[in-house]
């Protein structure tokens, strides 16, 4: 009887842990993907500001974080992989950057 109770307790704890992970890890969905600098750089690039090395590297870092790997010599999924990463970064920009919401 004691083993059955422990098994149920462990199973319940496992279920709650998995539900918490599926719901965003318990942080209320507050995870951000873009830094404040990346938001500023992406805003500048979208407003046709002159491209600088810093802005380009910031955009590249965001694309890499979204899953794009520019170091592959032969990417059979190019340009689809780049476009998919761009869509992710665009979504992150719209949801996380205050500049996107105010303008």
N, C-alpha and C. Protein backbone atom coordinates (compact mmCIF):
# COMPACT_ATOMS: atom_id res chain seq x y z
N UNK A 1 0.82 -1.20 0.00
CA UNK A 1 0.00 0.00 0.00
C UNK A 1 0.86 1.25 0.00
N UNK A 2 1.95 1.20 0.79
CA UNK A 2 2.83 2.36 0.87
C UNK A 2 3.50 2.62 -0.48
N UNK A 3 3.87 1.58 -1.20
CA UNK A 3 4.51 1.73 -2.51
C UNK A 3 3.53 2.33 -3.51
N UNK A 4 2.28 1.92 -3.48
CA UNK A 4 1.27 2.44 -4.39
C UNK A 4 1.06 3.94 -4.15
N UNK A 5 1.06 4.36 -2.90
CA UNK A 5 0.89 5.78 -2.58
C UNK A 5 2.10 6.58 -3.07
N UNK A 6 3.29 6.04 -2.89
CA UNK A 6 4.49 6.73 -3.37
C UNK A 6 4.49 6.82 -4.89
N UNK A 7 4.06 5.76 -5.55
CA UNK A 7 4.02 5.75 -7.02
C UNK A 7 3.04 6.81 -7.52
N UNK A 8 1.87 6.90 -6.88
CA UNK A 8 0.90 7.93 -7.27
C UNK A 8 1.45 9.32 -7.05
N UNK A 9 2.14 9.53 -5.94
CA UNK A 9 2.72 10.84 -5.65
C UNK A 9 3.78 11.22 -6.68
N UNK A 10 4.61 10.26 -7.03
CA UNK A 10 5.64 10.51 -8.03
C UNK A 10 5.00 10.80 -9.39
N UNK A 11 3.99 10.03 -9.75
CA UNK A 11 3.30 10.23 -11.02
C UNK A 11 2.63 11.61 -11.07
N UNK A 12 2.01 12.00 -9.96
CA UNK A 12 1.37 13.32 -9.91
C UNK A 12 2.40 14.43 -10.04
N UNK A 13 3.54 14.29 -9.37
CA UNK A 13 4.59 15.30 -9.46
C UNK A 13 5.14 15.37 -10.88
N UNK A 14 5.28 14.24 -11.54
CA UNK A 14 5.77 14.22 -12.91
C UNK A 14 4.79 14.91 -13.84
N UNK A 15 3.51 14.62 -13.68
CA UNK A 15 2.49 15.26 -14.52
C UNK A 15 2.51 16.77 -14.32
N UNK A 16 2.59 17.23 -13.09
CA UNK A 16 2.63 18.68 -12.84
C UNK A 16 3.88 19.32 -13.42
N UNK A 17 4.99 18.63 -13.36
CA UNK A 17 6.22 19.15 -13.94
C UNK A 17 6.09 19.27 -15.45
N UNK A 18 5.55 18.25 -16.09
CA UNK A 18 5.38 18.29 -17.54
C UNK A 18 4.38 19.36 -17.96
N UNK A 19 3.33 19.55 -17.22
CA UNK A 19 2.35 20.60 -17.52
C UNK A 19 3.01 21.97 -17.38
N UNK A 20 3.83 22.13 -16.36
CA UNK A 20 4.54 23.40 -16.18
C UNK A 20 5.48 23.69 -17.32
N UNK A 21 6.17 22.68 -17.81
CA UNK A 21 7.08 22.87 -18.95
C UNK A 21 6.31 23.24 -20.20
N UNK A 22 5.19 22.56 -20.42
CA UNK A 22 4.40 22.84 -21.61
C UNK A 22 3.77 24.23 -21.55
N UNK A 23 3.53 24.73 -20.36
CA UNK A 23 2.90 26.04 -20.22
C UNK A 23 3.90 27.18 -20.22
N UNK A 24 5.15 26.92 -20.47
CA UNK A 24 6.11 28.00 -20.55
C UNK A 24 7.12 28.00 -19.43
N UNK A 25 7.23 26.92 -18.73
CA UNK A 25 8.24 26.81 -17.70
C UNK A 25 7.93 27.53 -16.42
N UNK A 26 6.71 27.96 -16.24
CA UNK A 26 6.34 28.58 -14.98
C UNK A 26 6.76 30.03 -14.85
N UNK A 27 7.29 30.63 -15.91
CA UNK A 27 7.68 32.03 -15.81
C UNK A 27 6.62 32.96 -16.39
N UNK A 28 5.43 32.42 -16.63
CA UNK A 28 4.33 33.25 -17.12
C UNK A 28 4.52 33.70 -18.55
N UNK A 29 5.37 33.03 -19.32
CA UNK A 29 5.60 33.41 -20.69
C UNK A 29 6.42 34.68 -20.82
N UNK A 30 7.15 35.05 -19.79
CA UNK A 30 7.89 36.30 -19.79
C UNK A 30 9.25 36.18 -20.46
N UNK A 31 9.52 35.05 -21.07
CA UNK A 31 10.81 34.87 -21.72
C UNK A 31 10.92 35.84 -22.90
N UNK A 32 12.05 36.51 -22.98
CA UNK A 32 12.29 37.38 -24.11
C UNK A 32 13.38 36.78 -24.97
N UNK A 33 13.26 36.99 -26.24
CA UNK A 33 14.23 36.47 -27.18
C UNK A 33 15.18 37.56 -27.65
N UNK A 34 14.71 38.79 -27.68
CA UNK A 34 15.50 39.90 -28.18
C UNK A 34 15.92 40.81 -27.04
N UNK A 35 17.16 41.25 -27.09
CA UNK A 35 17.64 42.21 -26.09
C UNK A 35 17.17 43.61 -26.47
N UNK A 36 17.34 44.54 -25.55
CA UNK A 36 16.96 45.93 -25.83
C UNK A 36 17.80 46.48 -26.98
N UNK A 37 19.06 46.12 -27.03
CA UNK A 37 19.94 46.57 -28.12
C UNK A 37 19.46 46.00 -29.46
N UNK A 38 19.09 44.72 -29.46
CA UNK A 38 18.58 44.13 -30.70
C UNK A 38 17.30 44.82 -31.14
N UNK A 39 16.43 45.16 -30.20
CA UNK A 39 15.20 45.88 -30.55
C UNK A 39 15.54 47.23 -31.18
N UNK A 40 16.48 47.95 -30.59
CA UNK A 40 16.88 49.25 -31.14
C UNK A 40 17.48 49.09 -32.53
N UNK A 41 18.35 48.11 -32.69
CA UNK A 41 19.00 47.91 -33.99
C UNK A 41 18.00 47.49 -35.05
N UNK A 42 17.10 46.59 -34.70
CA UNK A 42 16.09 46.16 -35.67
C UNK A 42 15.16 47.31 -36.03
N UNK A 43 14.83 48.15 -35.06
CA UNK A 43 14.00 49.32 -35.35
C UNK A 43 14.71 50.26 -36.32
N UNK A 44 16.00 50.49 -36.06
CA UNK A 44 16.77 51.37 -36.94
C UNK A 44 16.82 50.81 -38.36
N UNK A 45 17.07 49.51 -38.49
CA UNK A 45 17.13 48.90 -39.82
C UNK A 45 15.78 48.96 -40.52
N UNK A 46 14.70 48.78 -39.79
CA UNK A 46 13.36 48.83 -40.39
C UNK A 46 12.98 50.24 -40.80
N UNK A 47 13.59 51.23 -40.16
CA UNK A 47 13.31 52.63 -40.50
C UNK A 47 14.34 53.18 -41.49
N UNK A 48 15.03 52.28 -42.17
CA UNK A 48 15.99 52.63 -43.21
C UNK A 48 17.15 53.49 -42.71
N UNK A 49 17.54 53.30 -41.48
CA UNK A 49 18.75 53.96 -40.98
C UNK A 49 19.95 53.31 -41.66
N UNK A 50 21.05 54.02 -41.74
CA UNK A 50 22.23 53.42 -42.38
C UNK A 50 22.64 52.14 -41.66
N UNK A 51 22.94 51.14 -42.45
CA UNK A 51 23.39 49.87 -41.87
C UNK A 51 24.80 50.05 -41.33
N UNK A 52 25.00 49.55 -40.13
CA UNK A 52 26.33 49.56 -39.53
C UNK A 52 26.70 48.12 -39.22
N UNK A 53 27.97 47.91 -38.95
CA UNK A 53 28.42 46.57 -38.59
C UNK A 53 27.69 46.08 -37.34
N UNK A 54 27.52 46.95 -36.36
CA UNK A 54 26.84 46.57 -35.12
C UNK A 54 25.39 46.16 -35.39
N UNK A 55 24.69 46.91 -36.20
CA UNK A 55 23.29 46.58 -36.50
C UNK A 55 23.19 45.27 -37.27
N UNK A 56 24.09 45.08 -38.23
CA UNK A 56 24.07 43.83 -39.00
C UNK A 56 24.37 42.62 -38.12
N UNK A 57 25.34 42.77 -37.23
CA UNK A 57 25.69 41.66 -36.33
C UNK A 57 24.55 41.39 -35.35
N UNK A 58 23.86 42.43 -34.94
CA UNK A 58 22.73 42.27 -34.03
C UNK A 58 21.60 41.50 -34.72
N UNK A 59 21.32 41.86 -35.96
CA UNK A 59 20.29 41.15 -36.72
C UNK A 59 20.70 39.70 -36.96
N UNK A 60 21.96 39.48 -37.29
CA UNK A 60 22.45 38.12 -37.51
C UNK A 60 22.34 37.29 -36.24
N UNK A 61 22.66 37.88 -35.09
CA UNK A 61 22.54 37.15 -33.82
C UNK A 61 21.09 36.75 -33.56
N UNK A 62 20.16 37.64 -33.87
CA UNK A 62 18.74 37.33 -33.68
C UNK A 62 18.32 36.20 -34.62
N UNK A 63 18.78 36.24 -35.86
CA UNK A 63 18.45 35.18 -36.81
C UNK A 63 19.03 33.84 -36.37
N UNK A 64 20.24 33.86 -35.84
CA UNK A 64 20.84 32.62 -35.36
C UNK A 64 20.07 32.09 -34.15
N UNK A 65 19.63 32.98 -33.29
CA UNK A 65 18.84 32.56 -32.13
C UNK A 65 17.52 31.95 -32.59
N UNK A 66 17.03 32.39 -33.74
CA UNK A 66 15.77 31.86 -34.28
C UNK A 66 15.98 30.57 -35.06
N UNK A 67 17.23 30.10 -35.15
CA UNK A 67 17.47 28.81 -35.77
C UNK A 67 18.22 28.84 -37.08
N UNK A 68 18.56 30.01 -37.60
CA UNK A 68 19.29 30.08 -38.86
C UNK A 68 20.77 29.86 -38.61
N UNK A 69 21.40 29.05 -39.46
CA UNK A 69 22.82 28.77 -39.34
C UNK A 69 23.51 29.17 -40.64
N UNK A 70 24.11 30.37 -40.69
CA UNK A 70 24.74 30.81 -41.93
C UNK A 70 26.07 30.13 -42.23
N UNK A 71 26.57 29.34 -41.30
CA UNK A 71 27.88 28.71 -41.47
C UNK A 71 27.82 27.41 -42.25
N UNK A 72 26.63 26.95 -42.57
CA UNK A 72 26.53 25.72 -43.36
C UNK A 72 27.01 26.01 -44.78
N UNK A 73 27.92 25.19 -45.26
CA UNK A 73 28.44 25.39 -46.63
C UNK A 73 27.33 25.14 -47.65
N UNK A 74 26.59 24.09 -47.43
CA UNK A 74 25.49 23.76 -48.33
C UNK A 74 24.26 23.51 -47.49
N UNK A 75 23.34 24.44 -47.56
CA UNK A 75 22.10 24.31 -46.81
C UNK A 75 21.00 23.94 -47.80
N UNK A 76 20.55 22.69 -47.79
CA UNK A 76 19.53 22.30 -48.76
C UNK A 76 18.20 23.01 -48.55
N UNK A 77 18.04 23.66 -47.42
CA UNK A 77 16.78 24.33 -47.12
C UNK A 77 16.87 25.85 -47.29
N UNK A 78 18.00 26.35 -47.82
CA UNK A 78 18.12 27.78 -48.09
C UNK A 78 17.32 28.11 -49.34
N UNK A 79 16.57 29.13 -49.40
CA UNK A 79 16.38 30.23 -48.47
C UNK A 79 15.26 30.02 -47.46
N UNK A 80 14.61 28.85 -47.51
CA UNK A 80 13.48 28.61 -46.60
C UNK A 80 13.90 28.70 -45.13
N UNK A 81 15.10 28.22 -44.79
CA UNK A 81 15.56 28.27 -43.40
C UNK A 81 15.77 29.72 -42.95
N UNK A 82 16.30 30.55 -43.84
CA UNK A 82 16.49 31.97 -43.52
C UNK A 82 15.14 32.68 -43.37
N UNK A 83 14.22 32.40 -44.27
CA UNK A 83 12.90 33.03 -44.22
C UNK A 83 12.14 32.62 -42.97
N UNK A 84 12.28 31.37 -42.57
CA UNK A 84 11.62 30.89 -41.34
C UNK A 84 12.18 31.65 -40.13
N UNK A 85 13.49 31.82 -40.08
CA UNK A 85 14.12 32.57 -38.99
C UNK A 85 13.69 34.02 -39.02
N UNK A 86 13.57 34.61 -40.20
CA UNK A 86 13.13 36.00 -40.31
C UNK A 86 11.70 36.16 -39.78
N UNK A 87 10.84 35.19 -40.08
CA UNK A 87 9.47 35.26 -39.56
C UNK A 87 9.45 35.19 -38.04
N UNK A 88 10.30 34.32 -37.46
CA UNK A 88 10.38 34.23 -36.00
C UNK A 88 10.86 35.54 -35.40
N UNK A 89 11.91 36.11 -35.98
CA UNK A 89 12.43 37.38 -35.46
C UNK A 89 11.38 38.47 -35.61
N UNK A 90 10.66 38.49 -36.72
CA UNK A 90 9.59 39.48 -36.89
C UNK A 90 8.52 39.34 -35.81
N UNK A 91 8.13 38.10 -35.51
CA UNK A 91 7.15 37.86 -34.46
C UNK A 91 7.67 38.33 -33.11
N UNK A 92 8.93 37.97 -32.80
CA UNK A 92 9.54 38.41 -31.54
C UNK A 92 9.59 39.92 -31.47
N UNK A 93 9.95 40.55 -32.59
CA UNK A 93 10.05 42.01 -32.63
C UNK A 93 8.68 42.64 -32.32
N UNK A 94 7.63 42.13 -32.96
CA UNK A 94 6.28 42.68 -32.75
C UNK A 94 5.79 42.49 -31.32
N UNK A 95 6.17 41.39 -30.68
CA UNK A 95 5.66 41.11 -29.34
C UNK A 95 6.55 41.61 -28.21
N UNK A 96 7.84 41.78 -28.48
CA UNK A 96 8.77 42.09 -27.38
C UNK A 96 9.35 43.50 -27.41
N UNK A 97 9.33 44.15 -28.55
CA UNK A 97 9.98 45.44 -28.67
C UNK A 97 8.96 46.58 -28.53
N UNK A 98 9.13 47.44 -27.55
CA UNK A 98 8.17 48.53 -27.38
C UNK A 98 8.13 49.46 -28.57
N UNK A 99 9.23 49.58 -29.31
CA UNK A 99 9.26 50.46 -30.48
C UNK A 99 8.26 49.98 -31.53
N UNK A 100 8.07 48.68 -31.64
CA UNK A 100 7.15 48.14 -32.64
C UNK A 100 5.71 48.43 -32.25
N UNK A 101 5.42 48.40 -30.96
CA UNK A 101 4.05 48.62 -30.50
C UNK A 101 3.67 50.09 -30.53
N UNK A 102 4.64 50.97 -30.34
CA UNK A 102 4.31 52.40 -30.26
C UNK A 102 4.23 53.06 -31.64
N UNK A 103 4.84 52.42 -32.63
CA UNK A 103 4.88 53.07 -33.93
C UNK A 103 4.03 52.42 -34.89
